[in-house]
Amino acid sequence: MEGGLRSADAVVVRRCQLVLASAYGAGGPRITRQVGCSEQAVRNVVHAFKTRGGACLQRGSSRPHPTRERVGSEGA
């Protein structure tokens, strides 16, 4: 985690800042003021870290996810 704070990728640095601030007990509104992002971004990153671990800190693909066709949704 500490190594991520020295990353050349700004996204990784920001995500590490959010997770560490949360781990130190800072709440969402305080983190948003310190880091300069939305409360939803804080919730998303902290939740992803809790469910996926350190893998969520790395930048993922910016390619759009394909949508799945919904069966039986016609005429609903």
PDB file of N, CA and C in Angstrom:
ATOM      1  N   MET A   1       0.835  -1.189   0.000  1.00  0.00           N
ATOM      2  CA  MET A   1       0.000   0.000   0.000  1.00  0.00           C
ATOM      3  C   MET A   1       0.880   1.253   0.000  1.00  0.00           C
ATOM      4  N   GLU A   2       1.877   1.263   0.845  1.00  0.00           N
ATOM      5  CA  GLU A   2       2.756   2.435   0.916  1.00  0.00           C
ATOM      6  C   GLU A   2       3.487   2.650  -0.411  1.00  0.00           C
ATOM      7  N   GLY A   3       3.833   1.552  -1.084  1.00  0.00           N
ATOM      8  CA  GLY A   3       4.497   1.659  -2.377  1.00  0.00           C
ATOM      9  C   GLY A   3       3.604   2.305  -3.421  1.00  0.00           C
ATOM     10  N   GLY A   4       2.305   2.085  -3.310  1.00  0.00           N
ATOM     11  CA  GLY A   4       1.360   2.679  -4.237  1.00  0.00           C
ATOM     12  C   GLY A   4       1.322   4.188  -4.143  1.00  0.00           C
ATOM     13  N   LEU A   5       1.665   4.720  -2.979  1.00  0.00           N
ATOM     14  CA  LEU A   5       1.693   6.173  -2.812  1.00  0.00           C
ATOM     15  C   LEU A   5       2.825   6.813  -3.600  1.00  0.00           C
ATOM     16  N   ARG A   6       3.830   6.011  -3.994  1.00  0.00           N
ATOM     17  CA  ARG A   6       4.958   6.532  -4.767  1.00  0.00           C
ATOM     18  C   ARG A   6       4.858   6.153  -6.244  1.00  0.00           C
ATOM     19  N   SER A   7       3.712   5.640  -6.649  1.00  0.00           N
ATOM     20  CA  SER A   7       3.512   5.203  -8.025  1.00  0.00           C
ATOM     21  C   SER A   7       3.537   6.403  -8.981  1.00  0.00           C
ATOM     22  N   ALA A   8       3.937   6.144 -10.209  1.00  0.00           N
ATOM     23  CA  ALA A   8       3.913   7.179 -11.246  1.00  0.00           C
ATOM     24  C   ALA A   8       2.497   7.377 -11.776  1.00  0.00           C
ATOM     25  N   ASP A   9       1.606   6.441 -11.504  1.00  0.00           N
ATOM     26  CA  ASP A   9       0.219   6.504 -11.973  1.00  0.00           C
ATOM     27  C   ASP A   9      -0.636   7.230 -10.933  1.00  0.00           C
ATOM     28  N   ALA A  10      -1.194   8.352 -11.318  1.00  0.00           N
ATOM     29  CA  ALA A  10      -1.974   9.179 -10.397  1.00  0.00           C
ATOM     30  C   ALA A  10      -3.211   8.445  -9.883  1.00  0.00           C
ATOM     31  N   VAL A  11      -3.785   7.574 -10.692  1.00  0.00           N
ATOM     32  CA  VAL A  11      -4.972   6.826 -10.268  1.00  0.00           C
ATOM     33  C   VAL A  11      -4.621   5.898  -9.110  1.00  0.00           C
ATOM     34  N   VAL A  12      -3.488   5.234  -9.202  1.00  0.00           N
ATOM     35  CA  VAL A  12      -3.049   4.323  -8.140  1.00  0.00           C
ATOM     36  C   VAL A  12      -2.778   5.112  -6.861  1.00  0.00           C
ATOM     37  N   VAL A  13      -2.121   6.243  -6.980  1.00  0.00           N
ATOM     38  CA  VAL A  13      -1.823   7.083  -5.810  1.00  0.00           C
ATOM     39  C   VAL A  13      -3.116   7.522  -5.136  1.00  0.00           C
ATOM     40  N   ARG A  14      -4.081   7.992  -5.918  1.00  0.00           N
ATOM     41  CA  ARG A  14      -5.346   8.473  -5.356  1.00  0.00           C
ATOM     42  C   ARG A  14      -6.090   7.348  -4.652  1.00  0.00           C
ATOM     43  N   ARG A  15      -6.152   6.180  -5.271  1.00  0.00           N
ATOM     44  CA  ARG A  15      -6.853   5.057  -4.645  1.00  0.00           C
ATOM     45  C   ARG A  15      -6.180   4.633  -3.346  1.00  0.00           C
ATOM     46  N   CYS A  16      -4.858   4.628  -3.326  1.00  0.00           N
ATOM     47  CA  CYS A  16      -4.135   4.293  -2.088  1.00  0.00           C
ATOM     48  C   CYS A  16      -4.417   5.327  -1.006  1.00  0.00           C
ATOM     49  N   GLN A  17      -4.473   6.594  -1.374  1.00  0.00           N
ATOM     50  CA  GLN A  17      -4.781   7.647  -0.409  1.00  0.00           C
ATOM     51  C   GLN A  17      -6.170   7.421   0.199  1.00  0.00           C
ATOM     52  N   LEU A  18      -7.137   7.078  -0.642  1.00  0.00           N
ATOM     53  CA  LEU A  18      -8.498   6.870  -0.161  1.00  0.00           C
ATOM     54  C   LEU A  18      -8.570   5.695   0.810  1.00  0.00           C
ATOM     55  N   VAL A  19      -7.938   4.593   0.454  1.00  0.00           N
ATOM     56  CA  VAL A  19      -7.983   3.396   1.300  1.00  0.00           C
ATOM     57  C   VAL A  19      -7.261   3.642   2.620  1.00  0.00           C
ATOM     58  N   LEU A  20      -6.107   4.280   2.567  1.00  0.00           N
ATOM     59  CA  LEU A  20      -5.360   4.544   3.804  1.00  0.00           C
ATOM     60  C   LEU A  20      -6.103   5.508   4.723  1.00  0.00           C
ATOM     61  N   ALA A  21      -6.696   6.544   4.155  1.00  0.00           N
ATOM     62  CA  ALA A  21      -7.451   7.498   4.970  1.00  0.00           C
ATOM     63  C   ALA A  21      -8.623   6.789   5.641  1.00  0.00           C
ATOM     64  N   SER A  22      -9.284   5.906   4.912  1.00  0.00           N
ATOM     65  CA  SER A  22     -10.395   5.154   5.487  1.00  0.00           C
ATOM     66  C   SER A  22      -9.903   4.223   6.592  1.00  0.00           C
ATOM     67  N   ALA A  23      -8.765   3.587   6.370  1.00  0.00           N
ATOM     68  CA  ALA A  23      -8.205   2.677   7.372  1.00  0.00           C
ATOM     69  C   ALA A  23      -7.815   3.415   8.652  1.00  0.00           C
ATOM     70  N   TYR A  24      -7.416   4.672   8.521  1.00  0.00           N
ATOM     71  CA  TYR A  24      -7.053   5.464   9.695  1.00  0.00           C
ATOM     72  C   TYR A  24      -8.268   6.054  10.394  1.00  0.00           C
ATOM     73  N   GLY A  25      -9.468   5.750   9.872  1.00  0.00           N
ATOM     74  CA  GLY A  25     -10.690   6.156  10.554  1.00  0.00           C
ATOM     75  C   GLY A  25     -11.334   7.423  10.045  1.00  0.00           C
ATOM     76  N   ALA A  26     -10.809   8.014   8.998  1.00  0.00           N
ATOM     77  CA  ALA A  26     -11.431   9.222   8.449  1.00  0.00           C
ATOM     78  C   ALA A  26     -12.731   8.841   7.752  1.00  0.00           C
ATOM     79  N   GLY A  27     -13.749   9.656   7.910  1.00  0.00           N
ATOM     80  CA  GLY A  27     -15.035   9.404   7.260  1.00  0.00           C
ATOM     81  C   GLY A  27     -15.044   9.929   5.836  1.00  0.00           C
ATOM     82  N   GLY A  28     -16.080   9.558   5.092  1.00  0.00           N
ATOM     83  CA  GLY A  28     -16.198   9.956   3.688  1.00  0.00           C
ATOM     84  C   GLY A  28     -16.097  11.449   3.439  1.00  0.00           C
ATOM     85  N   PRO A  29     -16.858  12.284   4.178  1.00  0.00           N
ATOM     86  CA  PRO A  29     -16.781  13.731   3.933  1.00  0.00           C
ATOM     87  C   PRO A  29     -15.388  14.302   4.183  1.00  0.00           C
ATOM     88  N   ARG A  30     -14.712  13.803   5.205  1.00  0.00           N
ATOM     89  CA  ARG A  30     -13.366  14.307   5.497  1.00  0.00           C
ATOM     90  C   ARG A  30     -12.379  13.896   4.402  1.00  0.00           C
ATOM     91  N   ILE A  31     -12.499  12.659   3.937  1.00  0.00           N
ATOM     92  CA  ILE A  31     -11.612  12.175   2.882  1.00  0.00           C
ATOM     93  C   ILE A  31     -11.827  12.981   1.601  1.00  0.00           C
ATOM     94  N   THR A  32     -13.081  13.283   1.280  1.00  0.00           N
ATOM     95  CA  THR A  32     -13.346  14.045   0.055  1.00  0.00           C
ATOM     96  C   THR A  32     -12.706  15.422   0.114  1.00  0.00           C
ATOM     97  N   ARG A  33     -12.722  16.038   1.285  1.00  0.00           N
ATOM     98  CA  ARG A  33     -12.084  17.360   1.416  1.00  0.00           C
ATOM     99  C   ARG A  33     -10.567  17.254   1.304  1.00  0.00           C
ATOM    100  N   GLN A  34      -9.991  16.223   1.904  1.00  0.00           N
ATOM    101  CA  GLN A  34      -8.535  16.072   1.892  1.00  0.00           C
ATOM    102  C   GLN A  34      -8.004  15.686   0.522  1.00  0.00           C
ATOM    103  N   VAL A  35      -8.681  14.763  -0.140  1.00  0.00           N
ATOM    104  CA  VAL A  35      -8.170  14.215  -1.385  1.00  0.00           C
ATOM    105  C   VAL A  35      -8.736  14.953  -2.596  1.00  0.00           C
ATOM    106  N   GLY A  36      -9.932  15.497  -2.467  1.00  0.00           N
ATOM    107  CA  GLY A  36     -10.514  16.254  -3.568  1.00  0.00           C
ATOM    108  C   GLY A  36     -11.257  15.384  -4.564  1.00  0.00           C
ATOM    109  N   CYS A  37     -12.093  14.480  -4.055  1.00  0.00           N
ATOM    110  CA  CYS A  37     -12.900  13.642  -4.938  1.00  0.00           C
ATOM    111  C   CYS A  37     -14.299  13.549  -4.333  1.00  0.00           C
ATOM    112  N   SER A  38     -15.185  12.855  -5.017  1.00  0.00           N
ATOM    113  CA  SER A  38     -16.561  12.735  -4.524  1.00  0.00           C
ATOM    114  C   SER A  38     -16.669  11.655  -3.449  1.00  0.00           C
ATOM    115  N   GLU A  39     -17.729  11.760  -2.655  1.00  0.00           N
ATOM    116  CA  GLU A  39     -17.966  10.735  -1.637  1.00  0.00           C
ATOM    117  C   GLU A  39     -18.255   9.387  -2.289  1.00  0.00           C
ATOM    118  N   GLN A  40     -18.897   9.415  -3.456  1.00  0.00           N
ATOM    119  CA  GLN A  40     -19.187   8.157  -4.153  1.00  0.00           C
ATOM    120  C   GLN A  40     -17.891   7.482  -4.584  1.00  0.00           C
ATOM    121  N   ALA A  41     -16.904   8.257  -4.999  1.00  0.00           N
ATOM    122  CA  ALA A  41     -15.605   7.684  -5.376  1.00  0.00           C
ATOM    123  C   ALA A  41     -14.953   7.018  -4.170  1.00  0.00           C
ATOM    124  N   VAL A  42     -15.058   7.646  -3.014  1.00  0.00           N
ATOM    125  CA  VAL A  42     -14.505   7.060  -1.785  1.00  0.00           C
ATOM    126  C   VAL A  42     -15.200   5.736  -1.492  1.00  0.00           C
ATOM    127  N   ARG A  43     -16.528   5.738  -1.546  1.00  0.00           N
ATOM    128  CA  ARG A  43     -17.282   4.504  -1.276  1.00  0.00           C
ATOM    129  C   ARG A  43     -16.913   3.410  -2.269  1.00  0.00           C
ATOM    130  N   ASN A  44     -16.807   3.764  -3.548  1.00  0.00           N
ATOM    131  CA  ASN A  44     -16.483   2.761  -4.571  1.00  0.00           C
ATOM    132  C   ASN A  44     -15.123   2.124  -4.327  1.00  0.00           C
ATOM    133  N   VAL A  45     -14.114   2.952  -4.048  1.00  0.00           N
ATOM    134  CA  VAL A  45     -12.760   2.430  -3.865  1.00  0.00           C
ATOM    135  C   VAL A  45     -12.658   1.609  -2.589  1.00  0.00           C
ATOM    136  N   VAL A  46     -13.228   2.079  -1.504  1.00  0.00           N
ATOM    137  CA  VAL A  46     -13.157   1.345  -0.236  1.00  0.00           C
ATOM    138  C   VAL A  46     -13.902   0.017  -0.358  1.00  0.00           C
ATOM    139  N   HIS A  47     -15.065   0.023  -0.993  1.00  0.00           N
ATOM    140  CA  HIS A  47     -15.818  -1.214  -1.182  1.00  0.00           C
ATOM    141  C   HIS A  47     -15.033  -2.188  -2.065  1.00  0.00           C
ATOM    142  N   ALA A  48     -14.458  -1.690  -3.150  1.00  0.00           N
ATOM    143  CA  ALA A  48     -13.673  -2.555  -4.041  1.00  0.00           C
ATOM    144  C   ALA A  48     -12.475  -3.149  -3.299  1.00  0.00           C
ATOM    145  N   PHE A  49     -11.841  -2.352  -2.445  1.00  0.00           N
ATOM    146  CA  PHE A  49     -10.693  -2.850  -1.693  1.00  0.00           C
ATOM    147  C   PHE A  49     -11.116  -3.949  -0.724  1.00  0.00           C
ATOM    148  N   LYS A  50     -12.257  -3.771  -0.093  1.00  0.00           N
ATOM    149  CA  LYS A  50     -12.738  -4.781   0.856  1.00  0.00           C
ATOM    150  C   LYS A  50     -13.109  -6.081   0.158  1.00  0.00           C
ATOM    151  N   THR A  51     -13.623  -6.000  -1.060  1.00  0.00           N
ATOM    152  CA  THR A  51     -14.061  -7.208  -1.750  1.00  0.00           C
ATOM    153  C   THR A  51     -12.972  -7.834  -2.607  1.00  0.00           C
ATOM    154  N   ARG A  52     -12.128  -7.012  -3.247  1.00  0.00           N
ATOM    155  CA  ARG A  52     -11.134  -7.552  -4.178  1.00  0.00           C
ATOM    156  C   ARG A  52      -9.703  -7.430  -3.697  1.00  0.00           C
ATOM    157  N   GLY A  53      -9.485  -6.686  -2.624  1.00  0.00           N
ATOM    158  CA  GLY A  53      -8.133  -6.519  -2.105  1.00  0.00           C
ATOM    159  C   GLY A  53      -7.308  -5.542  -2.934  1.00  0.00           C
ATOM    160  N   GLY A  54      -5.991  -5.688  -2.859  1.00  0.00           N
ATOM    161  CA  GLY A  54      -5.068  -4.763  -3.500  1.00  0.00           C
ATOM    162  C   GLY A  54      -5.163  -4.714  -5.016  1.00  0.00           C
ATOM    163  N   ALA A  55      -5.784  -5.703  -5.633  1.00  0.00           N
ATOM    164  CA  ALA A  55      -5.915  -5.718  -7.092  1.00  0.00           C
ATOM    165  C   ALA A  55      -6.743  -4.541  -7.590  1.00  0.00           C
ATOM    166  N   CYS A  56      -7.626  -4.014  -6.774  1.00  0.00           N
ATOM    167  CA  CYS A  56      -8.484  -2.912  -7.212  1.00  0.00           C
ATOM    168  C   CYS A  56      -7.735  -1.592  -7.287  1.00  0.00           C
ATOM    169  N   LEU A  57      -6.534  -1.550  -6.741  1.00  0.00           N
ATOM    170  CA  LEU A  57      -5.794  -0.291  -6.732  1.00  0.00           C
ATOM    171  C   LEU A  57      -5.185   0.034  -8.092  1.00  0.00           C
ATOM    172  N   GLN A  58      -4.916  -0.997  -8.892  1.00  0.00           N
ATOM    173  CA  GLN A  58      -4.319  -0.782 -10.205  1.00  0.00           C
ATOM    174  C   GLN A  58      -5.372  -0.288 -11.183  1.00  0.00           C
ATOM    175  N   ARG A  59      -4.922   0.491 -12.154  1.00  0.00           N
ATOM    176  CA  ARG A  59      -5.822   1.006 -13.175  1.00  0.00           C
ATOM    177  C   ARG A  59      -6.281  -0.148 -14.052  1.00  0.00           C
ATOM    178  N   GLY A  60      -7.578  -0.223 -14.277  1.00  0.00           N
ATOM    179  CA  GLY A  60      -8.140  -1.257 -15.138  1.00  0.00           C
ATOM    180  C   GLY A  60      -8.313  -0.727 -16.553  1.00  0.00           C
ATOM    181  N   SER A  61      -8.912  -1.523 -17.366  1.00  0.00           N
ATOM    182  CA  SER A  61      -9.167  -1.139 -18.744  1.00  0.00           C
ATOM    183  C   SER A  61     -10.212  -0.036 -18.794  1.00  0.00           C
ATOM    184  N   SER A  62     -10.034   0.906 -19.689  1.00  0.00           N
ATOM    185  CA  SER A  62     -11.025   1.973 -19.862  1.00  0.00           C
ATOM    186  C   SER A  62     -12.029   1.605 -20.955  1.00  0.00           C
ATOM    187  N   ARG A  63     -11.888   0.403 -21.472  1.00  0.00           N
ATOM    188  CA  ARG A  63     -12.781  -0.074 -22.517  1.00  0.00           C
ATOM    189  C   ARG A  63     -14.168  -0.317 -21.922  1.00  0.00           C
ATOM    190  N   PRO A  64     -15.229   0.102 -22.607  1.00  0.00           N
ATOM    191  CA  PRO A  64     -16.579  -0.117 -22.075  1.00  0.00           C
ATOM    192  C   PRO A  64     -16.901  -1.595 -21.934  1.00  0.00           C
ATOM    193  N   HIS A  65     -17.643  -1.926 -20.911  1.00  0.00           N
ATOM    194  CA  HIS A  65     -18.076  -3.304 -20.694  1.00  0.00           C
ATOM    195  C   HIS A  65     -19.237  -3.608 -21.636  1.00  0.00           C
ATOM    196  N   PRO A  66     -19.249  -4.789 -22.208  1.00  0.00           N
ATOM    197  CA  PRO A  66     -20.371  -5.135 -23.089  1.00  0.00           C
ATOM    198  C   PRO A  66     -21.646  -5.302 -22.267  1.00  0.00           C
ATOM    199  N   THR A  67     -22.749  -4.925 -22.845  1.00  0.00           N
ATOM    200  CA  THR A  67     -24.019  -5.103 -22.144  1.00  0.00           C
ATOM    201  C   THR A  67     -24.576  -6.462 -22.502  1.00  0.00           C
ATOM    202  N   ARG A  68     -25.235  -7.070 -21.553  1.00  0.00           N
ATOM    203  CA  ARG A  68     -25.851  -8.366 -21.790  1.00  0.00           C
ATOM    204  C   ARG A  68     -27.276  -8.151 -22.268  1.00  0.00           C
ATOM    205  N   GLU A  69     -27.663  -8.965 -23.210  1.00  0.00           N
ATOM    206  CA  GLU A  69     -29.024  -8.894 -23.705  1.00  0.00           C
ATOM    207  C   GLU A  69     -29.951  -9.481 -22.655  1.00  0.00           C
ATOM    208  N   ARG A  70     -31.012  -8.791 -22.358  1.00  0.00           N
ATOM    209  CA  ARG A  70     -31.954  -9.261 -21.343  1.00  0.00           C
ATOM    210  C   ARG A  70     -33.027 -10.116 -22.001  1.00  0.00           C
ATOM    211  N   VAL A  71     -33.147 -11.328 -21.563  1.00  0.00           N
ATOM    212  CA  VAL A  71     -34.126 -12.256 -22.113  1.00  0.00           C
ATOM    213  C   VAL A  71     -35.480 -11.968 -21.477  1.00  0.00           C
ATOM    214  N   GLY A  72     -36.486 -11.846 -22.301  1.00  0.00           N
ATOM    215  CA  GLY A  72     -37.835 -11.651 -21.788  1.00  0.00           C
ATOM    216  C   GLY A  72     -38.143 -10.227 -21.376  1.00  0.00           C
ATOM    217  N   SER A  73     -37.306  -9.277 -21.745  1.00  0.00           N
ATOM    218  CA  SER A  73     -37.553  -7.889 -21.340  1.00  0.00           C
ATOM    219  C   SER A  73     -38.364  -7.132 -22.381  1.00  0.00           C
ATOM    220  N   GLU A  74     -38.682  -7.769 -23.505  1.00  0.00           N
ATOM    221  CA  GLU A  74     -39.460  -7.102 -24.543  1.00  0.00           C
ATOM    222  C   GLU A  74     -40.895  -6.948 -24.073  1.00  0.00           C
ATOM    223  N   GLY A  75     -41.406  -5.752 -24.246  1.00  0.00           N
ATOM    224  CA  GLY A  75     -42.787  -5.484 -23.896  1.00  0.00           C
ATOM    225  C   GLY A  75     -43.064  -5.428 -22.412  1.00  0.00           C
ATOM    226  N   ALA A  76     -42.014  -5.316 -21.615  1.00  0.00           N
ATOM    227  CA  ALA A  76     -42.198  -5.317 -20.158  1.00  0.00           C
ATOM    228  C   ALA A  76     -42.622  -3.987 -19.640  1.00  0.00           C
TER     229      ALA A  76
END
